[in-house]
Protein backbone atom coordinates (compact mmCIF):
# COMPACT_ATOMS: atom_id res chain seq x y z
CA UNK A 1 -10.48 31.59 11.31
CA UNK A 2 -11.23 29.40 7.69
CA UNK A 3 -9.48 26.18 7.11
CA UNK A 4 -8.96 26.15 2.84
CA UNK A 5 -7.87 22.43 1.86
CA UNK A 6 -6.09 21.74 -1.17
CA UNK A 7 -6.55 18.50 -3.14
CA UNK A 8 -4.13 17.44 -5.35
CA UNK A 9 -4.45 14.01 -6.99
CA UNK A 10 -1.08 13.10 -5.55
CA UNK A 11 -0.66 15.24 -2.60
CA UNK A 12 -2.14 17.93 -0.38
CA UNK A 13 -2.44 20.64 2.35
CA UNK A 14 -4.94 22.73 4.75
CA UNK A 15 -4.13 25.67 5.12
CA UNK A 16 -5.09 29.33 6.39
CA UNK A 17 -4.31 32.46 4.72
CA UNK A 18 -3.60 35.82 6.34
CA UNK A 19 -3.44 39.01 3.41
CA UNK A 20 -2.95 36.56 0.06
CA UNK A 21 -0.35 34.31 2.34
CA UNK A 22 -0.43 31.01 3.94
CA UNK A 23 -0.19 31.90 8.00
CA UNK A 24 -0.51 27.84 9.23
CA UNK A 25 -1.07 24.71 6.44
CA UNK A 26 -0.65 21.41 6.69
CA UNK A 27 0.42 18.63 4.21
CA UNK A 28 -0.24 15.87 2.82
CA UNK A 29 0.72 12.58 0.49
CA UNK A 30 -1.81 9.51 -1.15
CA UNK A 31 -0.62 6.10 -0.25
CA UNK A 32 -2.73 4.53 -2.47
CA UNK A 33 -6.83 5.13 -2.83
CA UNK A 34 -8.04 4.89 0.28
CA UNK A 35 -4.54 6.73 2.80
CA UNK A 36 -3.17 9.71 2.80
CA UNK A 37 0.14 10.70 5.20
CA UNK A 38 -0.14 13.65 6.75
CA UNK A 39 3.82 14.69 6.33
CA UNK A 40 4.33 18.73 7.63
CA UNK A 41 2.75 21.37 10.50
CA UNK A 42 4.12 24.00 10.61
CA UNK A 43 2.42 27.47 12.25
CA UNK A 44 3.34 30.74 12.01
CA UNK A 45 4.23 31.94 15.41
CA UNK A 46 1.07 35.20 15.72
CA UNK A 47 -0.77 32.31 15.92
CA UNK A 48 1.51 30.90 18.80
CA UNK A 49 -1.52 29.78 21.51
CA UNK A 50 -4.58 29.54 19.71
CA UNK A 51 -4.87 25.82 19.14
CA UNK A 52 -5.00 26.31 14.68
CA UNK A 53 -2.49 23.63 14.59
CA UNK A 54 -4.65 20.76 16.44
CA UNK A 55 -7.70 22.91 13.77
CA UNK A 56 -5.55 21.79 11.32
CA UNK A 57 -5.45 17.88 12.33
CA UNK A 58 -8.68 18.02 12.64
CA UNK A 59 -9.91 19.26 9.63
CA UNK A 60 -7.94 16.98 8.12
CA UNK A 61 -9.67 14.00 10.22
CA UNK A 62 -13.35 15.34 8.89
CA UNK A 63 -11.94 14.85 5.53
CA UNK A 64 -11.05 11.70 6.89
CA UNK A 65 -13.92 10.22 7.57
CA UNK A 66 -16.75 11.74 4.55
CA UNK A 67 -13.90 10.43 2.22
CA UNK A 68 -13.29 6.72 3.83
CA UNK A 69 -9.49 8.17 4.60
CA UNK A 70 -6.60 6.40 6.89
CA UNK A 71 -4.78 8.85 7.75
CA UNK A 72 -1.13 7.89 9.07
CA UNK A 73 0.16 11.14 11.32
CA UNK A 74 3.58 11.33 10.15
CA UNK A 75 4.73 14.14 11.28
CA UNK A 76 5.81 14.42 15.31
CA UNK A 77 2.75 17.16 15.94
CA UNK A 78 0.46 15.51 13.95
CA UNK A 79 1.66 12.13 16.43
CA UNK A 80 1.48 14.31 19.47
CA UNK A 81 -2.52 14.77 18.66
CA UNK A 82 -3.61 11.49 17.59
CA UNK A 83 -1.00 9.82 20.25
CA UNK A 84 -3.49 12.23 22.83
CA UNK A 85 -6.91 11.99 20.31
CA UNK A 86 -7.29 8.92 20.53
CA UNK A 87 -10.07 7.71 21.26
CA UNK A 88 -11.34 10.30 19.08
CA UNK A 89 -9.39 10.05 15.83
CA UNK A 90 -9.45 5.67 15.91
CA UNK A 91 -11.59 5.12 12.92
CA UNK A 92 -9.28 7.30 10.73
CA UNK A 93 -5.98 5.73 12.22
CA UNK A 94 -4.44 3.90 9.99
């Protein structure tokens, strides 16, 4: 399952496509040059129980590390993951 990234100047998304349709996604917006805000995560019910939401958050964390960014997890799901994995994600949390 490949996670794609549609990264624009002001906003972007990590997502998974199947049959040319997005079946999971997490959107973010830039807050300045060094921070992104995760504002929404959605996973199709057909993917339930596969940890896809966690994988999207992990992809965002890797993206942040690679690009020297901080993350504010505004989305309730992303915020819960950041809280659960605080020790692992502390370096990128804004």
